[in-house]
Amino acid sequence: PDPPEGFAYLPRNLMKAWLAVMGIFLTGAVIATV
């Protein structure tokens, strides 16, 4: 995601959160299906 207007944190913090979101979603998808 692009940093929103007035983003107070460093872009790498946004990247860490985005990677966590991807990990949580993929883990949840595997848990729910297989």
PDB file of all heavy atoms in Angstrom:
ATOM      1  N   PRO A   1       0.834  -1.209   0.000  1.00  0.00           N
ATOM      2  CA  PRO A   1       0.000   0.000   0.000  1.00  0.00           C
ATOM      3  C   PRO A   1       0.867   1.257   0.000  1.00  0.00           C
ATOM      4  O   PRO A   1       1.990   1.270   0.498  1.00  0.00           O
ATOM      5  CB  PRO A   1      -0.799  -0.119   1.298  1.00  0.00           C
ATOM      6  CG  PRO A   1       0.029  -0.981   2.173  1.00  0.00           C
ATOM      7  CD  PRO A   1       0.769  -1.915   1.267  1.00  0.00           C
ATOM      8  N   ASP A   2       0.327   2.300  -0.583  1.00  0.00           N
ATOM      9  CA  ASP A   2       0.994   3.600  -0.539  1.00  0.00           C
ATOM     10  C   ASP A   2       0.742   4.220   0.829  1.00  0.00           C
ATOM     11  O   ASP A   2      -0.345   4.084   1.386  1.00  0.00           O
ATOM     12  CB  ASP A   2       0.444   4.523  -1.630  1.00  0.00           C
ATOM     13  CG  ASP A   2       0.737   3.990  -3.019  1.00  0.00           C
ATOM     14  OD1 ASP A   2       1.805   3.382  -3.196  1.00  0.00           O
ATOM     15  OD2 ASP A   2      -0.105   4.181  -3.912  1.00  0.00           O
ATOM     16  N   PRO A   3       1.741   4.904   1.376  1.00  0.00           N
ATOM     17  CA  PRO A   3       1.515   5.554   2.674  1.00  0.00           C
ATOM     18  C   PRO A   3       0.425   6.619   2.555  1.00  0.00           C
ATOM     19  O   PRO A   3       0.426   7.417   1.616  1.00  0.00           O
ATOM     20  CB  PRO A   3       2.860   6.195   3.016  1.00  0.00           C
ATOM     21  CG  PRO A   3       3.850   5.562   2.107  1.00  0.00           C
ATOM     22  CD  PRO A   3       3.101   5.076   0.915  1.00  0.00           C
ATOM     23  N   PRO A   4      -0.536   6.633   3.466  1.00  0.00           N
ATOM     24  CA  PRO A   4      -1.574   7.666   3.410  1.00  0.00           C
ATOM     25  C   PRO A   4      -1.013   9.045   3.746  1.00  0.00           C
ATOM     26  O   PRO A   4       0.105   9.172   4.237  1.00  0.00           O
ATOM     27  CB  PRO A   4      -2.595   7.207   4.443  1.00  0.00           C
ATOM     28  CG  PRO A   4      -1.902   6.214   5.286  1.00  0.00           C
ATOM     29  CD  PRO A   4      -0.741   5.686   4.523  1.00  0.00           C
ATOM     30  N   GLU A   5      -1.806  10.055   3.486  1.00  0.00           N
ATOM     31  CA  GLU A   5      -1.400  11.437   3.774  1.00  0.00           C
ATOM     32  C   GLU A   5      -1.146  11.600   5.271  1.00  0.00           C
ATOM     33  O   GLU A   5      -1.912  11.111   6.095  1.00  0.00           O
ATOM     34  CB  GLU A   5      -2.513  12.399   3.346  1.00  0.00           C
ATOM     35  CG  GLU A   5      -2.834  12.343   1.891  1.00  0.00           C
ATOM     36  CD  GLU A   5      -2.207  13.484   1.147  1.00  0.00           C
ATOM     37  OE1 GLU A   5      -1.860  14.486   1.771  1.00  0.00           O
ATOM     38  OE2 GLU A   5      -2.053  13.354  -0.076  1.00  0.00           O
ATOM     39  N   GLY A   6      -0.067  12.240   5.611  1.00  0.00           N
ATOM     40  CA  GLY A   6       0.263  12.479   6.997  1.00  0.00           C
ATOM     41  C   GLY A   6       0.719  11.231   7.729  1.00  0.00           C
ATOM     42  O   GLY A   6       0.539  11.120   8.940  1.00  0.00           O
ATOM     43  N   PHE A   7       1.308  10.298   7.013  1.00  0.00           N
ATOM     44  CA  PHE A   7       1.768   9.047   7.620  1.00  0.00           C
ATOM     45  C   PHE A   7       2.939   9.351   8.538  1.00  0.00           C
ATOM     46  O   PHE A   7       3.954   9.891   8.109  1.00  0.00           O
ATOM     47  CB  PHE A   7       2.165   8.055   6.522  1.00  0.00           C
ATOM     48  CG  PHE A   7       2.462   6.684   7.018  1.00  0.00           C
ATOM     49  CD1 PHE A   7       1.475   5.894   7.559  1.00  0.00           C
ATOM     50  CD2 PHE A   7       3.749   6.165   6.933  1.00  0.00           C
ATOM     51  CE1 PHE A   7       1.735   4.616   8.011  1.00  0.00           C
ATOM     52  CE2 PHE A   7       4.024   4.897   7.385  1.00  0.00           C
ATOM     53  CZ  PHE A   7       3.017   4.126   7.915  1.00  0.00           C
ATOM     54  N   ALA A   8       2.803   9.036   9.818  1.00  0.00           N
ATOM     55  CA  ALA A   8       3.776   9.460  10.829  1.00  0.00           C
ATOM     56  C   ALA A   8       4.919   8.472  11.021  1.00  0.00           C
ATOM     57  O   ALA A   8       5.876   8.780  11.711  1.00  0.00           O
ATOM     58  CB  ALA A   8       3.073   9.677  12.162  1.00  0.00           C
ATOM     59  N   TYR A   9       4.821   7.281  10.426  1.00  0.00           N
ATOM     60  CA  TYR A   9       5.841   6.261  10.641  1.00  0.00           C
ATOM     61  C   TYR A   9       6.721   6.113   9.413  1.00  0.00           C
ATOM     62  O   TYR A   9       6.421   6.630   8.345  1.00  0.00           O
ATOM     63  CB  TYR A   9       5.191   4.922  10.994  1.00  0.00           C
ATOM     64  CG  TYR A   9       4.366   4.981  12.241  1.00  0.00           C
ATOM     65  CD1 TYR A   9       2.990   5.040  12.180  1.00  0.00           C
ATOM     66  CD2 TYR A   9       4.969   5.008  13.493  1.00  0.00           C
ATOM     67  CE1 TYR A   9       2.231   5.106  13.326  1.00  0.00           C
ATOM     68  CE2 TYR A   9       4.218   5.072  14.643  1.00  0.00           C
ATOM     69  CZ  TYR A   9       2.855   5.120  14.555  1.00  0.00           C
ATOM     70  OH  TYR A   9       2.108   5.192  15.690  1.00  0.00           O
ATOM     71  N   LEU A  10       7.805   5.398   9.571  1.00  0.00           N
ATOM     72  CA  LEU A  10       8.705   5.148   8.456  1.00  0.00           C
ATOM     73  C   LEU A  10       8.067   4.176   7.472  1.00  0.00           C
ATOM     74  O   LEU A  10       7.283   3.315   7.856  1.00  0.00           O
ATOM     75  CB  LEU A  10      10.024   4.568   8.975  1.00  0.00           C
ATOM     76  CG  LEU A  10      10.838   5.486   9.881  1.00  0.00           C
ATOM     77  CD1 LEU A  10      12.030   4.723  10.448  1.00  0.00           C
ATOM     78  CD2 LEU A  10      11.300   6.702   9.116  1.00  0.00           C
ATOM     79  N   PRO A  11       8.411   4.285   6.176  1.00  0.00           N
ATOM     80  CA  PRO A  11       7.843   3.354   5.193  1.00  0.00           C
ATOM     81  C   PRO A  11       8.180   1.893   5.488  1.00  0.00           C
ATOM     82  O   PRO A  11       7.417   1.001   5.140  1.00  0.00           O
ATOM     83  CB  PRO A  11       8.470   3.804   3.875  1.00  0.00           C
ATOM     84  CG  PRO A  11       8.838   5.227   4.081  1.00  0.00           C
ATOM     85  CD  PRO A  11       9.178   5.348   5.540  1.00  0.00           C
ATOM     86  N   ARG A  12       9.315   1.621   6.129  1.00  0.00           N
ATOM     87  CA  ARG A  12       9.639   0.217   6.416  1.00  0.00           C
ATOM     88  C   ARG A  12       8.681  -0.376   7.441  1.00  0.00           C
ATOM     89  O   ARG A  12       8.428  -1.569   7.438  1.00  0.00           O
ATOM     90  CB  ARG A  12      11.085   0.069   6.855  1.00  0.00           C
ATOM     91  CG  ARG A  12      11.382   0.549   8.238  1.00  0.00           C
ATOM     92  CD  ARG A  12      12.805   0.160   8.643  1.00  0.00           C
ATOM     93  NE  ARG A  12      13.095   0.739   9.918  1.00  0.00           N
ATOM     94  CZ  ARG A  12      13.916   1.754  10.118  1.00  0.00           C
ATOM     95  NH1 ARG A  12      14.557   2.280   9.113  1.00  0.00           N
ATOM     96  NH2 ARG A  12      14.110   2.238  11.315  1.00  0.00           N
ATOM     97  N   ASN A  13       8.120   0.466   8.329  1.00  0.00           N
ATOM     98  CA  ASN A  13       7.111  -0.028   9.267  1.00  0.00           C
ATOM     99  C   ASN A  13       5.837  -0.427   8.531  1.00  0.00           C
ATOM    100  O   ASN A  13       5.186  -1.396   8.894  1.00  0.00           O
ATOM    101  CB  ASN A  13       6.792   1.022  10.325  1.00  0.00           C
ATOM    102  CG  ASN A  13       7.954   1.254  11.263  1.00  0.00           C
ATOM    103  OD1 ASN A  13       8.839   0.420  11.378  1.00  0.00           O
ATOM    104  ND2 ASN A  13       7.957   2.398  11.916  1.00  0.00           N
ATOM    105  N   LEU A  14       5.508   0.336   7.484  1.00  0.00           N
ATOM    106  CA  LEU A  14       4.357  -0.018   6.655  1.00  0.00           C
ATOM    107  C   LEU A  14       4.616  -1.331   5.923  1.00  0.00           C
ATOM    108  O   LEU A  14       3.731  -2.178   5.811  1.00  0.00           O
ATOM    109  CB  LEU A  14       4.066   1.103   5.662  1.00  0.00           C
ATOM    110  CG  LEU A  14       2.848   0.928   4.770  1.00  0.00           C
ATOM    111  CD1 LEU A  14       1.582   0.906   5.610  1.00  0.00           C
ATOM    112  CD2 LEU A  14       2.785   2.026   3.741  1.00  0.00           C
ATOM    113  N   MET A  15       5.838  -1.531   5.456  1.00  0.00           N
ATOM    114  CA  MET A  15       6.185  -2.772   4.756  1.00  0.00           C
ATOM    115  C   MET A  15       6.132  -3.975   5.714  1.00  0.00           C
ATOM    116  O   MET A  15       5.679  -5.053   5.339  1.00  0.00           O
ATOM    117  CB  MET A  15       7.574  -2.682   4.130  1.00  0.00           C
ATOM    118  CG  MET A  15       7.660  -1.777   2.946  1.00  0.00           C
ATOM    119  SD  MET A  15       6.578  -2.355   1.638  1.00  0.00           S
ATOM    120  CE  MET A  15       5.799  -0.846   1.191  1.00  0.00           C
ATOM    121  N   LYS A  16       6.594  -3.794   6.944  1.00  0.00           N
ATOM    122  CA  LYS A  16       6.514  -4.877   7.928  1.00  0.00           C
ATOM    123  C   LYS A  16       5.060  -5.249   8.204  1.00  0.00           C
ATOM    124  O   LYS A  16       4.717  -6.432   8.284  1.00  0.00           O
ATOM    125  CB  LYS A  16       7.181  -4.458   9.240  1.00  0.00           C
ATOM    126  CG  LYS A  16       8.678  -4.465   9.212  1.00  0.00           C
ATOM    127  CD  LYS A  16       9.205  -4.052  10.584  1.00  0.00           C
ATOM    128  CE  LYS A  16      10.689  -3.894  10.592  1.00  0.00           C
ATOM    129  NZ  LYS A  16      11.185  -3.444  11.906  1.00  0.00           N
ATOM    130  N   ALA A  17       4.216  -4.239   8.336  1.00  0.00           N
ATOM    131  CA  ALA A  17       2.801  -4.507   8.582  1.00  0.00           C
ATOM    132  C   ALA A  17       2.165  -5.190   7.375  1.00  0.00           C
ATOM    133  O   ALA A  17       1.354  -6.113   7.533  1.00  0.00           O
ATOM    134  CB  ALA A  17       2.069  -3.207   8.895  1.00  0.00           C
ATOM    135  N   TRP A  18       2.535  -4.776   6.166  1.00  0.00           N
ATOM    136  CA  TRP A  18       1.994  -5.394   4.959  1.00  0.00           C
ATOM    137  C   TRP A  18       2.429  -6.855   4.854  1.00  0.00           C
ATOM    138  O   TRP A  18       1.622  -7.721   4.497  1.00  0.00           O
ATOM    139  CB  TRP A  18       2.434  -4.595   3.741  1.00  0.00           C
ATOM    140  CG  TRP A  18       2.099  -5.217   2.443  1.00  0.00           C
ATOM    141  CD1 TRP A  18       0.850  -5.489   1.957  1.00  0.00           C
ATOM    142  CD2 TRP A  18       3.020  -5.672   1.461  1.00  0.00           C
ATOM    143  NE1 TRP A  18       0.958  -6.081   0.724  1.00  0.00           N
ATOM    144  CE2 TRP A  18       2.278  -6.200   0.396  1.00  0.00           C
ATOM    145  CE3 TRP A  18       4.407  -5.665   1.372  1.00  0.00           C
ATOM    146  CZ2 TRP A  18       2.875  -6.725  -0.737  1.00  0.00           C
ATOM    147  CZ3 TRP A  18       4.996  -6.180   0.242  1.00  0.00           C
ATOM    148  CH2 TRP A  18       4.234  -6.704  -0.792  1.00  0.00           C
ATOM    149  N   LEU A  19       3.685  -7.146   5.181  1.00  0.00           N
ATOM    150  CA  LEU A  19       4.147  -8.537   5.171  1.00  0.00           C
ATOM    151  C   LEU A  19       3.420  -9.367   6.232  1.00  0.00           C
ATOM    152  O   LEU A  19       3.106 -10.538   6.004  1.00  0.00           O
ATOM    153  CB  LEU A  19       5.656  -8.596   5.389  1.00  0.00           C
ATOM    154  CG  LEU A  19       6.509  -8.118   4.214  1.00  0.00           C
ATOM    155  CD1 LEU A  19       7.980  -8.056   4.612  1.00  0.00           C
ATOM    156  CD2 LEU A  19       6.307  -8.983   2.998  1.00  0.00           C
ATOM    157  N   ALA A  20       3.144  -8.768   7.375  1.00  0.00           N
ATOM    158  CA  ALA A  20       2.389  -9.475   8.418  1.00  0.00           C
ATOM    159  C   ALA A  20       0.969  -9.769   7.936  1.00  0.00           C
ATOM    160  O   ALA A  20       0.440 -10.860   8.190  1.00  0.00           O
ATOM    161  CB  ALA A  20       2.361  -8.651   9.696  1.00  0.00           C
ATOM    162  N   VAL A  21       0.356  -8.823   7.240  1.00  0.00           N
ATOM    163  CA  VAL A  21      -0.991  -9.026   6.706  1.00  0.00           C
ATOM    164  C   VAL A  21      -1.000 -10.182   5.710  1.00  0.00           C
ATOM    165  O   VAL A  21      -1.870 -11.052   5.752  1.00  0.00           O
ATOM    166  CB  VAL A  21      -1.524  -7.729   6.048  1.00  0.00           C
ATOM    167  CG1 VAL A  21      -2.718  -8.003   5.163  1.00  0.00           C
ATOM    168  CG2 VAL A  21      -1.890  -6.719   7.107  1.00  0.00           C
ATOM    169  N   MET A  22      -0.009 -10.209   4.826  1.00  0.00           N
ATOM    170  CA  MET A  22       0.062 -11.306   3.856  1.00  0.00           C
ATOM    171  C   MET A  22       0.264 -12.640   4.557  1.00  0.00           C
ATOM    172  O   MET A  22      -0.365 -13.644   4.197  1.00  0.00           O
ATOM    173  CB  MET A  22       1.189 -11.071   2.849  1.00  0.00           C
ATOM    174  CG  MET A  22       0.861 -10.059   1.815  1.00  0.00           C
ATOM    175  SD  MET A  22       1.972 -10.063   0.401  1.00  0.00           S
ATOM    176  CE  MET A  22       3.564 -10.290   1.102  1.00  0.00           C
ATOM    177  N   GLY A  23       1.133 -12.671   5.555  1.00  0.00           N
ATOM    178  CA  GLY A  23       1.371 -13.908   6.290  1.00  0.00           C
ATOM    179  C   GLY A  23       0.144 -14.394   7.024  1.00  0.00           C
ATOM    180  O   GLY A  23      -0.164 -15.592   7.024  1.00  0.00           O
ATOM    181  N   ILE A  24      -0.572 -13.477   7.659  1.00  0.00           N
ATOM    182  CA  ILE A  24      -1.785 -13.856   8.392  1.00  0.00           C
ATOM    183  C   ILE A  24      -2.843 -14.372   7.430  1.00  0.00           C
ATOM    184  O   ILE A  24      -3.514 -15.377   7.690  1.00  0.00           O
ATOM    185  CB  ILE A  24      -2.310 -12.668   9.221  1.00  0.00           C
ATOM    186  CG1 ILE A  24      -1.356 -12.371  10.375  1.00  0.00           C
ATOM    187  CG2 ILE A  24      -3.720 -12.936   9.750  1.00  0.00           C
ATOM    188  CD1 ILE A  24      -1.661 -11.080  11.100  1.00  0.00           C
ATOM    189  N   PHE A  25      -3.009 -13.695   6.281  1.00  0.00           N
ATOM    190  CA  PHE A  25      -4.027 -14.145   5.340  1.00  0.00           C
ATOM    191  C   PHE A  25      -3.691 -15.518   4.770  1.00  0.00           C
ATOM    192  O   PHE A  25      -4.552 -16.401   4.707  1.00  0.00           O
ATOM    193  CB  PHE A  25      -4.203 -13.149   4.192  1.00  0.00           C
ATOM    194  CG  PHE A  25      -5.334 -13.525   3.280  1.00  0.00           C
ATOM    195  CD1 PHE A  25      -6.612 -13.102   3.564  1.00  0.00           C
ATOM    196  CD2 PHE A  25      -5.133 -14.328   2.174  1.00  0.00           C
ATOM    197  CE1 PHE A  25      -7.678 -13.469   2.759  1.00  0.00           C
ATOM    198  CE2 PHE A  25      -6.179 -14.708   1.360  1.00  0.00           C
ATOM    199  CZ  PHE A  25      -7.455 -14.278   1.648  1.00  0.00           C
ATOM    200  N   LEU A  26      -2.448 -15.703   4.342  1.00  0.00           N
ATOM    201  CA  LEU A  26      -2.072 -16.985   3.745  1.00  0.00           C
ATOM    202  C   LEU A  26      -2.148 -18.118   4.768  1.00  0.00           C
ATOM    203  O   LEU A  26      -2.592 -19.227   4.445  1.00  0.00           O
ATOM    204  CB  LEU A  26      -0.681 -16.892   3.134  1.00  0.00           C
ATOM    205  CG  LEU A  26      -0.580 -15.972   1.906  1.00  0.00           C
ATOM    206  CD1 LEU A  26       0.852 -15.859   1.446  1.00  0.00           C
ATOM    207  CD2 LEU A  26      -1.470 -16.457   0.788  1.00  0.00           C
ATOM    208  N   THR A  27      -1.746 -17.856   6.002  1.00  0.00           N
ATOM    209  CA  THR A  27      -1.863 -18.863   7.051  1.00  0.00           C
ATOM    210  C   THR A  27      -3.327 -19.193   7.322  1.00  0.00           C
ATOM    211  O   THR A  27      -3.695 -20.373   7.450  1.00  0.00           O
ATOM    212  CB  THR A  27      -1.184 -18.374   8.339  1.00  0.00           C
ATOM    213  OG1 THR A  27       0.185 -18.091   8.060  1.00  0.00           O
ATOM    214  CG2 THR A  27      -1.281 -19.406   9.442  1.00  0.00           C
ATOM    215  N   GLY A  28      -4.162 -18.175   7.386  1.00  0.00           N
ATOM    216  CA  GLY A  28      -5.593 -18.406   7.595  1.00  0.00           C
ATOM    217  C   GLY A  28      -6.227 -19.178   6.450  1.00  0.00           C
ATOM    218  O   GLY A  28      -7.087 -20.041   6.671  1.00  0.00           O
ATOM    219  N   ALA A  29      -5.799 -18.890   5.218  1.00  0.00           N
ATOM    220  CA  ALA A  29      -6.346 -19.607   4.066  1.00  0.00           C
ATOM    221  C   ALA A  29      -5.958 -21.082   4.109  1.00  0.00           C
ATOM    222  O   ALA A  29      -6.781 -21.961   3.833  1.00  0.00           O
ATOM    223  CB  ALA A  29      -5.864 -18.964   2.770  1.00  0.00           C
ATOM    224  N   VAL A  30      -4.715 -21.366   4.467  1.00  0.00           N
ATOM    225  CA  VAL A  30      -4.273 -22.764   4.558  1.00  0.00           C
ATOM    226  C   VAL A  30      -4.998 -23.467   5.700  1.00  0.00           C
ATOM    227  O   VAL A  30      -5.466 -24.604   5.547  1.00  0.00           O
ATOM    228  CB  VAL A  30      -2.740 -22.841   4.735  1.00  0.00           C
ATOM    229  CG1 VAL A  30      -2.298 -24.231   5.121  1.00  0.00           C
ATOM    230  CG2 VAL A  30      -2.041 -22.401   3.459  1.00  0.00           C
ATOM    231  N   ILE A  31      -5.114 -22.807   6.836  1.00  0.00           N
ATOM    232  CA  ILE A  31      -5.798 -23.411   7.988  1.00  0.00           C
ATOM    233  C   ILE A  31      -7.261 -23.712   7.655  1.00  0.00           C
ATOM    234  O   ILE A  31      -7.775 -24.773   7.990  1.00  0.00           O
ATOM    235  CB  ILE A  31      -5.702 -22.485   9.215  1.00  0.00           C
ATOM    236  CG1 ILE A  31      -4.286 -22.485   9.771  1.00  0.00           C
ATOM    237  CG2 ILE A  31      -6.676 -22.902  10.299  1.00  0.00           C
ATOM    238  CD1 ILE A  31      -4.074 -21.456  10.855  1.00  0.00           C
ATOM    239  N   ALA A  32      -7.926 -22.784   6.981  1.00  0.00           N
ATOM    240  CA  ALA A  32      -9.354 -22.947   6.715  1.00  0.00           C
ATOM    241  C   ALA A  32      -9.645 -23.974   5.629  1.00  0.00           C
ATOM    242  O   ALA A  32     -10.749 -24.524   5.586  1.00  0.00           O
ATOM    243  CB  ALA A  32      -9.968 -21.609   6.329  1.00  0.00           C
ATOM    244  N   THR A  33      -8.689 -24.258   4.757  1.00  0.00           N
ATOM    245  CA  THR A  33      -9.017 -25.110   3.619  1.00  0.00           C
ATOM    246  C   THR A  33      -8.406 -26.508   3.676  1.00  0.00           C
ATOM    247  O   THR A  33      -9.081 -27.474   3.346  1.00  0.00           O
ATOM    248  CB  THR A  33      -8.595 -24.434   2.305  1.00  0.00           C
ATOM    249  OG1 THR A  33      -7.209 -24.106   2.354  1.00  0.00           O
ATOM    250  CG2 THR A  33      -9.411 -23.185   2.052  1.00  0.00           C
ATOM    251  N   VAL A  34      -7.157 -26.663   4.048  1.00  0.00           N
ATOM    252  CA  VAL A  34      -6.515 -27.967   3.866  1.00  0.00           C
ATOM    253  C   VAL A  34      -6.077 -28.676   5.148  1.00  0.00           C
ATOM    254  O   VAL A  34      -5.488 -29.739   5.076  1.00  0.00           O
ATOM    255  CB  VAL A  34      -5.298 -27.863   2.903  1.00  0.00           C
ATOM    256  CG1 VAL A  34      -5.738 -27.427   1.539  1.00  0.00           C
ATOM    257  CG2 VAL A  34      -4.238 -26.946   3.445  1.00  0.00           C
TER     258      VAL A  34
END
